[in-house]
mmCIF file of all heavy atoms, coordinates in Angstrom:
data_MODEL
# 
_entry.id   MODEL 
# 
loop_
_atom_site.group_PDB 
_atom_site.id 
_atom_site.type_symbol 
_atom_site.label_atom_id 
_atom_site.label_alt_id 
_atom_site.label_comp_id 
_atom_site.label_asym_id 
_atom_site.label_entity_id 
_atom_site.label_seq_id 
_atom_site.pdbx_PDB_ins_code 
_atom_site.Cartn_x 
_atom_site.Cartn_y 
_atom_site.Cartn_z 
_atom_site.occupancy 
_atom_site.B_iso_or_equiv 
_atom_site.pdbx_formal_charge 
_atom_site.auth_seq_id 
_atom_site.auth_comp_id 
_atom_site.auth_asym_id 
_atom_site.auth_atom_id 
_atom_site.pdbx_PDB_model_num 
ATOM 1   N N   . TRP A 1 1  ? 1.093  0.488  11.963 1.00 0.00 ? 1  TRP A N   1 
ATOM 2   C CA  . TRP A 1 1  ? -0.038 0.838  11.101 1.00 0.00 ? 1  TRP A CA  1 
ATOM 3   C C   . TRP A 1 1  ? 0.384  1.662  9.887  1.00 0.00 ? 1  TRP A C   1 
ATOM 4   O O   . TRP A 1 1  ? -0.424 1.937  9.006  1.00 0.00 ? 1  TRP A O   1 
ATOM 5   C CB  . TRP A 1 1  ? -1.076 1.638  11.889 1.00 0.00 ? 1  TRP A CB  1 
ATOM 6   C CG  . TRP A 1 1  ? -1.741 0.883  12.995 1.00 0.00 ? 1  TRP A CG  1 
ATOM 7   C CD1 . TRP A 1 1  ? -1.711 -0.463 13.222 1.00 0.00 ? 1  TRP A CD1 1 
ATOM 8   C CD2 . TRP A 1 1  ? -2.557 1.436  14.034 1.00 0.00 ? 1  TRP A CD2 1 
ATOM 9   N NE1 . TRP A 1 1  ? -2.430 -0.781 14.337 1.00 0.00 ? 1  TRP A NE1 1 
ATOM 10  C CE2 . TRP A 1 1  ? -2.972 0.360  14.850 1.00 0.00 ? 1  TRP A CE2 1 
ATOM 11  C CE3 . TRP A 1 1  ? -2.959 2.721  14.351 1.00 0.00 ? 1  TRP A CE3 1 
ATOM 12  C CZ2 . TRP A 1 1  ? -3.786 0.544  15.970 1.00 0.00 ? 1  TRP A CZ2 1 
ATOM 13  C CZ3 . TRP A 1 1  ? -3.771 2.921  15.457 1.00 0.00 ? 1  TRP A CZ3 1 
ATOM 14  C CH2 . TRP A 1 1  ? -4.185 1.835  16.262 1.00 0.00 ? 1  TRP A CH2 1 
ATOM 15  N N   . LYS A 1 2  ? 1.651  2.090  9.840  1.00 0.00 ? 2  LYS A N   1 
ATOM 16  C CA  . LYS A 1 2  ? 2.090  3.033  8.809  1.00 0.00 ? 2  LYS A CA  1 
ATOM 17  C C   . LYS A 1 2  ? 2.142  2.417  7.411  1.00 0.00 ? 2  LYS A C   1 
ATOM 18  O O   . LYS A 1 2  ? 2.104  3.134  6.421  1.00 0.00 ? 2  LYS A O   1 
ATOM 19  C CB  . LYS A 1 2  ? 3.466  3.607  9.169  1.00 0.00 ? 2  LYS A CB  1 
ATOM 20  C CG  . LYS A 1 2  ? 3.444  4.540  10.373 1.00 0.00 ? 2  LYS A CG  1 
ATOM 21  C CD  . LYS A 1 2  ? 4.838  5.008  10.767 1.00 0.00 ? 2  LYS A CD  1 
ATOM 22  C CE  . LYS A 1 2  ? 5.514  5.787  9.656  1.00 0.00 ? 2  LYS A CE  1 
ATOM 23  N NZ  . LYS A 1 2  ? 6.810  6.358  10.098 1.00 0.00 ? 2  LYS A NZ  1 
ATOM 24  N N   . ARG A 1 3  ? 2.245  1.111  7.338  1.00 0.00 ? 3  ARG A N   1 
ATOM 25  C CA  . ARG A 1 3  ? 2.307  0.466  6.025  1.00 0.00 ? 3  ARG A CA  1 
ATOM 26  C C   . ARG A 1 3  ? 1.324  -0.703 5.969  1.00 0.00 ? 3  ARG A C   1 
ATOM 27  O O   . ARG A 1 3  ? 1.250  -1.508 6.896  1.00 0.00 ? 3  ARG A O   1 
ATOM 28  C CB  . ARG A 1 3  ? 3.720  -0.057 5.726  1.00 0.00 ? 3  ARG A CB  1 
ATOM 29  C CG  . ARG A 1 3  ? 4.749  1.033  5.565  1.00 0.00 ? 3  ARG A CG  1 
ATOM 30  C CD  . ARG A 1 3  ? 6.110  0.468  5.190  1.00 0.00 ? 3  ARG A CD  1 
ATOM 31  N NE  . ARG A 1 3  ? 7.109  1.517  5.094  1.00 0.00 ? 3  ARG A NE  1 
ATOM 32  C CZ  . ARG A 1 3  ? 7.351  2.225  3.993  1.00 0.00 ? 3  ARG A CZ  1 
ATOM 33  N NH1 . ARG A 1 3  ? 6.657  1.966  2.890  1.00 0.00 ? 3  ARG A NH1 1 
ATOM 34  N NH2 . ARG A 1 3  ? 8.279  3.169  3.984  1.00 0.00 ? 3  ARG A NH2 1 
ATOM 35  N N   . GLY A 1 4  ? 0.590  -0.775 4.863  1.00 0.00 ? 4  GLY A N   1 
ATOM 36  C CA  . GLY A 1 4  ? -0.278 -1.915 4.622  1.00 0.00 ? 4  GLY A CA  1 
ATOM 37  C C   . GLY A 1 4  ? -1.658 -1.826 5.220  1.00 0.00 ? 4  GLY A C   1 
ATOM 38  O O   . GLY A 1 4  ? -2.579 -2.482 4.741  1.00 0.00 ? 4  GLY A O   1 
ATOM 39  N N   . THR A 1 5  ? -1.850 -1.026 6.273  1.00 0.00 ? 5  THR A N   1 
ATOM 40  C CA  . THR A 1 5  ? -3.163 -0.973 6.910  1.00 0.00 ? 5  THR A CA  1 
ATOM 41  C C   . THR A 1 5  ? -4.062 0.051  6.219  1.00 0.00 ? 5  THR A C   1 
ATOM 42  O O   . THR A 1 5  ? -3.593 0.941  5.506  1.00 0.00 ? 5  THR A O   1 
ATOM 43  C CB  . THR A 1 5  ? -3.056 -0.591 8.401  1.00 0.00 ? 5  THR A CB  1 
ATOM 44  O OG1 . THR A 1 5  ? -2.760 0.813  8.502  1.00 0.00 ? 5  THR A OG1 1 
ATOM 45  C CG2 . THR A 1 5  ? -1.963 -1.390 9.091  1.00 0.00 ? 5  THR A CG2 1 
ATOM 46  N N   . VAL A 1 6  ? -5.346 -0.073 6.472  1.00 0.00 ? 6  VAL A N   1 
ATOM 47  C CA  . VAL A 1 6  ? -6.295 0.839  5.837  1.00 0.00 ? 6  VAL A CA  1 
ATOM 48  C C   . VAL A 1 6  ? -6.336 2.200  6.523  1.00 0.00 ? 6  VAL A C   1 
ATOM 49  O O   . VAL A 1 6  ? -6.961 3.127  6.001  1.00 0.00 ? 6  VAL A O   1 
ATOM 50  C CB  . VAL A 1 6  ? -7.722 0.237  5.798  1.00 0.00 ? 6  VAL A CB  1 
ATOM 51  C CG1 . VAL A 1 6  ? -7.744 -1.010 4.953  1.00 0.00 ? 6  VAL A CG1 1 
ATOM 52  C CG2 . VAL A 1 6  ? -8.232 -0.063 7.212  1.00 0.00 ? 6  VAL A CG2 1 
ATOM 53  N N   . VAL A 1 7  ? -5.685 2.348  7.665  1.00 0.00 ? 7  VAL A N   1 
ATOM 54  C CA  . VAL A 1 7  ? -5.688 3.643  8.347  1.00 0.00 ? 7  VAL A CA  1 
ATOM 55  C C   . VAL A 1 7  ? -4.355 4.380  8.171  1.00 0.00 ? 7  VAL A C   1 
ATOM 56  O O   . VAL A 1 7  ? -4.127 5.402  8.815  1.00 0.00 ? 7  VAL A O   1 
ATOM 57  C CB  . VAL A 1 7  ? -6.005 3.500  9.858  1.00 0.00 ? 7  VAL A CB  1 
ATOM 58  C CG1 . VAL A 1 7  ? -7.391 2.924  10.049 1.00 0.00 ? 7  VAL A CG1 1 
ATOM 59  C CG2 . VAL A 1 7  ? -4.952 2.675  10.573 1.00 0.00 ? 7  VAL A CG2 1 
ATOM 60  N N   . ARG A 1 8  ? -3.472 3.899  7.308  1.00 0.00 ? 8  ARG A N   1 
ATOM 61  C CA  . ARG A 1 8  ? -2.196 4.588  7.092  1.00 0.00 ? 8  ARG A CA  1 
ATOM 62  C C   . ARG A 1 8  ? -2.451 5.950  6.455  1.00 0.00 ? 8  ARG A C   1 
ATOM 63  O O   . ARG A 1 8  ? -3.341 6.109  5.627  1.00 0.00 ? 8  ARG A O   1 
ATOM 64  C CB  . ARG A 1 8  ? -1.262 3.758  6.212  1.00 0.00 ? 8  ARG A CB  1 
ATOM 65  C CG  . ARG A 1 8  ? -1.764 3.498  4.790  1.00 0.00 ? 8  ARG A CG  1 
ATOM 66  C CD  . ARG A 1 8  ? -0.865 2.452  4.108  1.00 0.00 ? 8  ARG A CD  1 
ATOM 67  N NE  . ARG A 1 8  ? -1.195 2.240  2.710  1.00 0.00 ? 8  ARG A NE  1 
ATOM 68  C CZ  . ARG A 1 8  ? -2.121 1.398  2.274  1.00 0.00 ? 8  ARG A CZ  1 
ATOM 69  N NH1 . ARG A 1 8  ? -2.843 0.689  3.148  1.00 0.00 ? 8  ARG A NH1 1 
ATOM 70  N NH2 . ARG A 1 8  ? -2.351 1.245  0.982  1.00 0.00 ? 8  ARG A NH2 1 
ATOM 71  N N   . SER A 1 9  ? -1.646 6.941  6.856  1.00 0.00 ? 9  SER A N   1 
ATOM 72  C CA  . SER A 1 9  ? -1.765 8.281  6.291  1.00 0.00 ? 9  SER A CA  1 
ATOM 73  C C   . SER A 1 9  ? -0.587 9.119  6.782  1.00 0.00 ? 9  SER A C   1 
ATOM 74  O O   . SER A 1 9  ? 0.148  8.720  7.695  1.00 0.00 ? 9  SER A O   1 
ATOM 75  C CB  . SER A 1 9  ? -3.073 8.964  6.712  1.00 0.00 ? 9  SER A CB  1 
ATOM 76  O OG  . SER A 1 9  ? -2.993 9.419  8.051  1.00 0.00 ? 9  SER A OG  1 
ATOM 77  N N   . TRP A 1 10 ? -0.435 10.286 6.183  1.00 0.00 ? 10 TRP A N   1 
ATOM 78  C CA  . TRP A 1 10 ? 0.618  11.203 6.616  1.00 0.00 ? 10 TRP A CA  1 
ATOM 79  C C   . TRP A 1 10 ? 0.362  11.705 8.033  1.00 0.00 ? 10 TRP A C   1 
ATOM 80  O O   . TRP A 1 10 ? 1.295  11.868 8.819  1.00 0.00 ? 10 TRP A O   1 
ATOM 81  C CB  . TRP A 1 10 ? 0.711  12.382 5.640  1.00 0.00 ? 10 TRP A CB  1 
ATOM 82  C CG  . TRP A 1 10 ? 1.875  13.289 5.885  1.00 0.00 ? 10 TRP A CG  1 
ATOM 83  C CD1 . TRP A 1 10 ? 3.182  12.931 6.068  1.00 0.00 ? 10 TRP A CD1 1 
ATOM 84  C CD2 . TRP A 1 10 ? 1.834  14.717 5.992  1.00 0.00 ? 10 TRP A CD2 1 
ATOM 85  N NE1 . TRP A 1 10 ? 3.967  14.049 6.272  1.00 0.00 ? 10 TRP A NE1 1 
ATOM 86  C CE2 . TRP A 1 10 ? 3.175  15.158 6.225  1.00 0.00 ? 10 TRP A CE2 1 
ATOM 87  C CE3 . TRP A 1 10 ? 0.828  15.673 5.891  1.00 0.00 ? 10 TRP A CE3 1 
ATOM 88  C CZ2 . TRP A 1 10 ? 3.507  16.498 6.373  1.00 0.00 ? 10 TRP A CZ2 1 
ATOM 89  C CZ3 . TRP A 1 10 ? 1.159  17.010 6.037  1.00 0.00 ? 10 TRP A CZ3 1 
ATOM 90  C CH2 . TRP A 1 10 ? 2.483  17.413 6.267  1.00 0.00 ? 10 TRP A CH2 1 
ATOM 91  N N   . LEU A 1 11 ? -0.894 11.927 8.387  1.00 0.00 ? 11 LEU A N   1 
ATOM 92  C CA  . LEU A 1 11 ? -1.197 12.353 9.749  1.00 0.00 ? 11 LEU A CA  1 
ATOM 93  C C   . LEU A 1 11 ? -0.796 11.279 10.755 1.00 0.00 ? 11 LEU A C   1 
ATOM 94  O O   . LEU A 1 11 ? -0.290 11.596 11.839 1.00 0.00 ? 11 LEU A O   1 
ATOM 95  C CB  . LEU A 1 11 ? -2.684 12.682 9.893  1.00 0.00 ? 11 LEU A CB  1 
ATOM 96  C CG  . LEU A 1 11 ? -3.149 13.993 9.264  1.00 0.00 ? 11 LEU A CG  1 
ATOM 97  C CD1 . LEU A 1 11 ? -4.665 14.119 9.349  1.00 0.00 ? 11 LEU A CD1 1 
ATOM 98  C CD2 . LEU A 1 11 ? -2.483 15.198 9.934  1.00 0.00 ? 11 LEU A CD2 1 
ATOM 99  N N   . LEU A 1 12 ? -0.984 10.012 10.421 1.00 0.00 ? 12 LEU A N   1 
ATOM 100 C CA  . LEU A 1 12 ? -0.529 8.939  11.295 1.00 0.00 ? 12 LEU A CA  1 
ATOM 101 C C   . LEU A 1 12 ? 0.990  8.968  11.418 1.00 0.00 ? 12 LEU A C   1 
ATOM 102 O O   . LEU A 1 12 ? 1.544  8.812  12.515 1.00 0.00 ? 12 LEU A O   1 
ATOM 103 C CB  . LEU A 1 12 ? -0.982 7.585  10.753 1.00 0.00 ? 12 LEU A CB  1 
ATOM 104 C CG  . LEU A 1 12 ? -0.477 6.360  11.520 1.00 0.00 ? 12 LEU A CG  1 
ATOM 105 C CD1 . LEU A 1 12 ? -0.972 6.359  12.958 1.00 0.00 ? 12 LEU A CD1 1 
ATOM 106 C CD2 . LEU A 1 12 ? -0.874 5.071  10.806 1.00 0.00 ? 12 LEU A CD2 1 
ATOM 107 N N   . ASP A 1 13 ? 1.680  9.176  10.298 1.00 0.00 ? 13 ASP A N   1 
ATOM 108 C CA  . ASP A 1 13 ? 3.145  9.288  10.338 1.00 0.00 ? 13 ASP A CA  1 
ATOM 109 C C   . ASP A 1 13 ? 3.585  10.380 11.301 1.00 0.00 ? 13 ASP A C   1 
ATOM 110 O O   . ASP A 1 13 ? 4.539  10.211 12.069 1.00 0.00 ? 13 ASP A O   1 
ATOM 111 C CB  . ASP A 1 13 ? 3.699  9.592  8.941  1.00 0.00 ? 13 ASP A CB  1 
ATOM 112 C CG  . ASP A 1 13 ? 3.468  8.455  7.950  1.00 0.00 ? 13 ASP A CG  1 
ATOM 113 O OD1 . ASP A 1 13 ? 3.130  7.336  8.393  1.00 0.00 ? 13 ASP A OD1 1 
ATOM 114 O OD2 . ASP A 1 13 ? 3.619  8.703  6.740  1.00 0.00 ? 13 ASP A OD2 1 
ATOM 115 N N   . LEU A 1 14 ? 2.898  11.526 11.252 1.00 0.00 ? 14 LEU A N   1 
ATOM 116 C CA  . LEU A 1 14 ? 3.268  12.649 12.111 1.00 0.00 ? 14 LEU A CA  1 
ATOM 117 C C   . LEU A 1 14 ? 2.984  12.347 13.583 1.00 0.00 ? 14 LEU A C   1 
ATOM 118 O O   . LEU A 1 14 ? 3.758  12.740 14.464 1.00 0.00 ? 14 LEU A O   1 
ATOM 119 C CB  . LEU A 1 14 ? 2.512  13.905 11.673 1.00 0.00 ? 14 LEU A CB  1 
ATOM 120 C CG  . LEU A 1 14 ? 2.869  14.453 10.287 1.00 0.00 ? 14 LEU A CG  1 
ATOM 121 C CD1 . LEU A 1 14 ? 1.972  15.632 9.938  1.00 0.00 ? 14 LEU A CD1 1 
ATOM 122 C CD2 . LEU A 1 14 ? 4.335  14.864 10.217 1.00 0.00 ? 14 LEU A CD2 1 
ATOM 123 N N   . LEU A 1 15 ? 1.881  11.650 13.861 1.00 0.00 ? 15 LEU A N   1 
ATOM 124 C CA  . LEU A 1 15 ? 1.577  11.289 15.244 1.00 0.00 ? 15 LEU A CA  1 
ATOM 125 C C   . LEU A 1 15 ? 2.625  10.327 15.783 1.00 0.00 ? 15 LEU A C   1 
ATOM 126 O O   . LEU A 1 15 ? 3.098  10.474 16.927 1.00 0.00 ? 15 LEU A O   1 
ATOM 127 C CB  . LEU A 1 15 ? 0.182  10.668 15.337 1.00 0.00 ? 15 LEU A CB  1 
ATOM 128 C CG  . LEU A 1 15 ? -0.235 10.172 16.735 1.00 0.00 ? 15 LEU A CG  1 
ATOM 129 C CD1 . LEU A 1 15 ? -0.138 11.284 17.772 1.00 0.00 ? 15 LEU A CD1 1 
ATOM 130 C CD2 . LEU A 1 15 ? -1.644 9.589  16.704 1.00 0.00 ? 15 LEU A CD2 1 
ATOM 131 N N   . VAL A 1 16 ? 3.015  9.360  14.971 1.00 0.00 ? 16 VAL A N   1 
ATOM 132 C CA  . VAL A 1 16 ? 4.052  8.419  15.398 1.00 0.00 ? 16 VAL A CA  1 
ATOM 133 C C   . VAL A 1 16 ? 5.360  9.156  15.662 1.00 0.00 ? 16 VAL A C   1 
ATOM 134 O O   . VAL A 1 16 ? 6.060  8.885  16.652 1.00 0.00 ? 16 VAL A O   1 
ATOM 135 C CB  . VAL A 1 16 ? 4.245  7.311  14.336 1.00 0.00 ? 16 VAL A CB  1 
ATOM 136 C CG1 . VAL A 1 16 ? 5.482  6.474  14.653 1.00 0.00 ? 16 VAL A CG1 1 
ATOM 137 C CG2 . VAL A 1 16 ? 3.011  6.422  14.269 1.00 0.00 ? 16 VAL A CG2 1 
ATOM 138 N N   . ALA A 1 17 ? 5.694  10.108 14.804 1.00 0.00 ? 17 ALA A N   1 
ATOM 139 C CA  . ALA A 1 17 ? 6.922  10.890 14.999 1.00 0.00 ? 17 ALA A CA  1 
ATOM 140 C C   . ALA A 1 17 ? 6.873  11.642 16.327 1.00 0.00 ? 17 ALA A C   1 
ATOM 141 O O   . ALA A 1 17 ? 7.873  11.714 17.054 1.00 0.00 ? 17 ALA A O   1 
ATOM 142 C CB  . ALA A 1 17 ? 7.121  11.853 13.843 1.00 0.00 ? 17 ALA A CB  1 
ATOM 143 N N   . ALA A 1 18 ? 5.712  12.212 16.650 1.00 0.00 ? 18 ALA A N   1 
ATOM 144 C CA  . ALA A 1 18 ? 5.563  12.930 17.914 1.00 0.00 ? 18 ALA A CA  1 
ATOM 145 C C   . ALA A 1 18 ? 5.695  11.987 19.103 1.00 0.00 ? 18 ALA A C   1 
ATOM 146 O O   . ALA A 1 18 ? 6.323  12.323 20.118 1.00 0.00 ? 18 ALA A O   1 
ATOM 147 C CB  . ALA A 1 18 ? 4.210  13.639 17.947 1.00 0.00 ? 18 ALA A CB  1 
ATOM 148 N N   . LEU A 1 19 ? 5.116  10.778 18.998 1.00 0.00 ? 19 LEU A N   1 
ATOM 149 C CA  . LEU A 1 19 ? 5.171  9.806  20.088 1.00 0.00 ? 19 LEU A CA  1 
ATOM 150 C C   . LEU A 1 19 ? 6.574  9.239  20.253 1.00 0.00 ? 19 LEU A C   1 
ATOM 151 O O   . LEU A 1 19 ? 7.004  8.927  21.373 1.00 0.00 ? 19 LEU A O   1 
ATOM 152 C CB  . LEU A 1 19 ? 4.172  8.677  19.840 1.00 0.00 ? 19 LEU A CB  1 
ATOM 153 C CG  . LEU A 1 19 ? 2.700  9.070  19.979 1.00 0.00 ? 19 LEU A CG  1 
ATOM 154 C CD1 . LEU A 1 19 ? 1.800  7.958  19.463 1.00 0.00 ? 19 LEU A CD1 1 
ATOM 155 C CD2 . LEU A 1 19 ? 2.369  9.400  21.434 1.00 0.00 ? 19 LEU A CD2 1 
ATOM 156 N N   . GLU A 1 20 ? 7.300  9.089  19.157 1.00 0.00 ? 20 GLU A N   1 
ATOM 157 C CA  . GLU A 1 20 ? 8.675  8.608  19.258 1.00 0.00 ? 20 GLU A CA  1 
ATOM 158 C C   . GLU A 1 20 ? 9.551  9.620  19.994 1.00 0.00 ? 20 GLU A C   1 
ATOM 159 O O   . GLU A 1 20 ? 10.457 9.247  20.744 1.00 0.00 ? 20 GLU A O   1 
ATOM 160 C CB  . GLU A 1 20 ? 9.230  8.329  17.862 1.00 0.00 ? 20 GLU A CB  1 
ATOM 161 C CG  . GLU A 1 20 ? 8.633  7.093  17.204 1.00 0.00 ? 20 GLU A CG  1 
ATOM 162 C CD  . GLU A 1 20 ? 9.071  6.904  15.762 1.00 0.00 ? 20 GLU A CD  1 
ATOM 163 O OE1 . GLU A 1 20 ? 9.518  7.899  15.139 1.00 0.00 ? 20 GLU A OE1 1 
ATOM 164 O OE2 . GLU A 1 20 ? 8.964  5.775  15.256 1.00 0.00 ? 20 GLU A OE2 1 
ATOM 165 N N   . LYS A 1 21 ? 9.260  10.872 19.793 1.00 0.00 ? 21 LYS A N   1 
ATOM 166 C CA  . LYS A 1 21 ? 10.025 11.933 20.459 1.00 0.00 ? 21 LYS A CA  1 
ATOM 167 C C   . LYS A 1 21 ? 9.636  12.055 21.930 1.00 0.00 ? 21 LYS A C   1 
ATOM 168 O O   . LYS A 1 21 ? 10.483 12.293 22.799 1.00 0.00 ? 21 LYS A O   1 
ATOM 169 C CB  . LYS A 1 21 ? 9.785  13.264 19.740 1.00 0.00 ? 21 LYS A CB  1 
ATOM 170 C CG  . LYS A 1 21 ? 10.537 14.437 20.340 1.00 0.00 ? 21 LYS A CG  1 
ATOM 171 C CD  . LYS A 1 21 ? 10.256 15.721 19.568 1.00 0.00 ? 21 LYS A CD  1 
ATOM 172 C CE  . LYS A 1 21 ? 10.981 16.910 20.189 1.00 0.00 ? 21 LYS A CE  1 
ATOM 173 N NZ  . LYS A 1 21 ? 10.671 18.172 19.453 1.00 0.00 ? 21 LYS A NZ  1 
ATOM 174 N N   . ASP A 1 22 ? 8.353  11.875 22.223 1.00 0.00 ? 22 ASP A N   1 
ATOM 175 C CA  . ASP A 1 22 ? 7.832  12.051 23.586 1.00 0.00 ? 22 ASP A CA  1 
ATOM 176 C C   . ASP A 1 22 ? 6.724  11.022 23.793 1.00 0.00 ? 22 ASP A C   1 
ATOM 177 O O   . ASP A 1 22 ? 5.539  11.329 23.624 1.00 0.00 ? 22 ASP A O   1 
ATOM 178 C CB  . ASP A 1 22 ? 7.304  13.482 23.748 1.00 0.00 ? 22 ASP A CB  1 
ATOM 179 C CG  . ASP A 1 22 ? 6.734  13.767 25.128 1.00 0.00 ? 22 ASP A CG  1 
ATOM 180 O OD1 . ASP A 1 22 ? 6.945  12.945 26.042 1.00 0.00 ? 22 ASP A OD1 1 
ATOM 181 O OD2 . ASP A 1 22 ? 6.074  14.813 25.292 1.00 0.00 ? 22 ASP A OD2 1 
ATOM 182 N N   . PRO A 1 23 ? 7.073  9.761  24.147 1.00 0.00 ? 23 PRO A N   1 
ATOM 183 C CA  . PRO A 1 23 ? 6.092  8.662  24.174 1.00 0.00 ? 23 PRO A CA  1 
ATOM 184 C C   . PRO A 1 23 ? 4.834  8.936  24.985 1.00 0.00 ? 23 PRO A C   1 
ATOM 185 O O   . PRO A 1 23 ? 3.741  8.514  24.606 1.00 0.00 ? 23 PRO A O   1 
ATOM 186 C CB  . PRO A 1 23 ? 6.902  7.501  24.762 1.00 0.00 ? 23 PRO A CB  1 
ATOM 187 C CG  . PRO A 1 23 ? 8.305  7.806  24.377 1.00 0.00 ? 23 PRO A CG  1 
ATOM 188 C CD  . PRO A 1 23 ? 8.427  9.308  24.461 1.00 0.00 ? 23 PRO A CD  1 
ATOM 189 N N   . GLY A 1 24 ? 4.945  9.649  26.082 1.00 0.00 ? 24 GLY A N   1 
ATOM 190 C CA  . GLY A 1 24 ? 3.763  9.932  26.888 1.00 0.00 ? 24 GLY A CA  1 
ATOM 191 C C   . GLY A 1 24 ? 3.142  11.280 26.615 1.00 0.00 ? 24 GLY A C   1 
ATOM 192 O O   . GLY A 1 24 ? 2.174  11.662 27.269 1.00 0.00 ? 24 GLY A O   1 
ATOM 193 N N   . LEU A 1 25 ? 3.711  12.010 25.656 1.00 0.00 ? 25 LEU A N   1 
ATOM 194 C CA  . LEU A 1 25 ? 3.282  13.372 25.330 1.00 0.00 ? 25 LEU A CA  1 
ATOM 195 C C   . LEU A 1 25 ? 3.245  14.246 26.578 1.00 0.00 ? 25 LEU A C   1 
ATOM 196 O O   . LEU A 1 25 ? 2.391  15.119 26.724 1.00 0.00 ? 25 LEU A O   1 
ATOM 197 C CB  . LEU A 1 25 ? 1.904  13.357 24.641 1.00 0.00 ? 25 LEU A CB  1 
ATOM 198 C CG  . LEU A 1 25 ? 1.841  12.586 23.314 1.00 0.00 ? 25 LEU A CG  1 
ATOM 199 C CD1 . LEU A 1 25 ? 0.430  12.633 22.744 1.00 0.00 ? 25 LEU A CD1 1 
ATOM 200 C CD2 . LEU A 1 25 ? 2.842  13.117 22.298 1.00 0.00 ? 25 LEU A CD2 1 
# 
């Protein structure tokens, strides 16, 4: 969703970064 979608944003980037580090939080 980070590129091209209507919901892309910096907050989405940060959430993805957090999930990549800890997928299940």
